[in-house]
């Protein structure tokens, strides 16, 4: 979808300010937001792509006026309501009104480190040979899906070069909507800044993105 999170090439949002020695969390509530999101994700009630889509589909005014962890919490609220784990009324008053709904798994404190170390691998067996190789020139599709996609708006309908072949991975566009993993080959594609943003872009700028095979055609 074309959401507020997809800002590449857009003007008027000011510079990105680097914070030296930035802490992991700026406030205790951010630490709790991270912990609650991690614990709820571990229940198996949704997958990573569903979580991303819940955040990116926030109303643009809401998304752009929220901090990083505010976006995380707002996305989490959408997910727990959607999955029937909490009602809108319970969120509003801040307490449970009914017995808790069952979940597949409960993450214990002593298991967190191992869970984070294991991560969530997305590699899958190859259903067929890769269509592209390193060095191939490709063009991205000019697509504007209503649902989740990992192809940035600024990189659609552009020509680039295959920089790396990553193997076969879960396809987020379908996985985010419970339509199956549908694994595809995943590539890193390199673009020039001027290909993405025109002749006024920095001639020395190069941008690389990860793109699934169905996003690409031979150039």
Foldseek 3Di string as FASTA:
>chain_A
DQFLVQCPPPDDPDDDDDDPPDDPDPDPVLVVLVVVLVQVQVLVLAHPLLLVQLLRPDHNVVNVVDDPSVSSVSSVVVSCCVSVQAHPVCVVVVHDPDPGDDTNDGDDPVCVVVDVVVDDDFADDDPDDAPDDFFFKKAFAQDDDPGDAQQRNLRHRFIWTFHAKDHWGFHSRCRSVVNDRPIFTKTKTKDAQCRRHNPVGDRPDIDIDIDGPVRIDGD
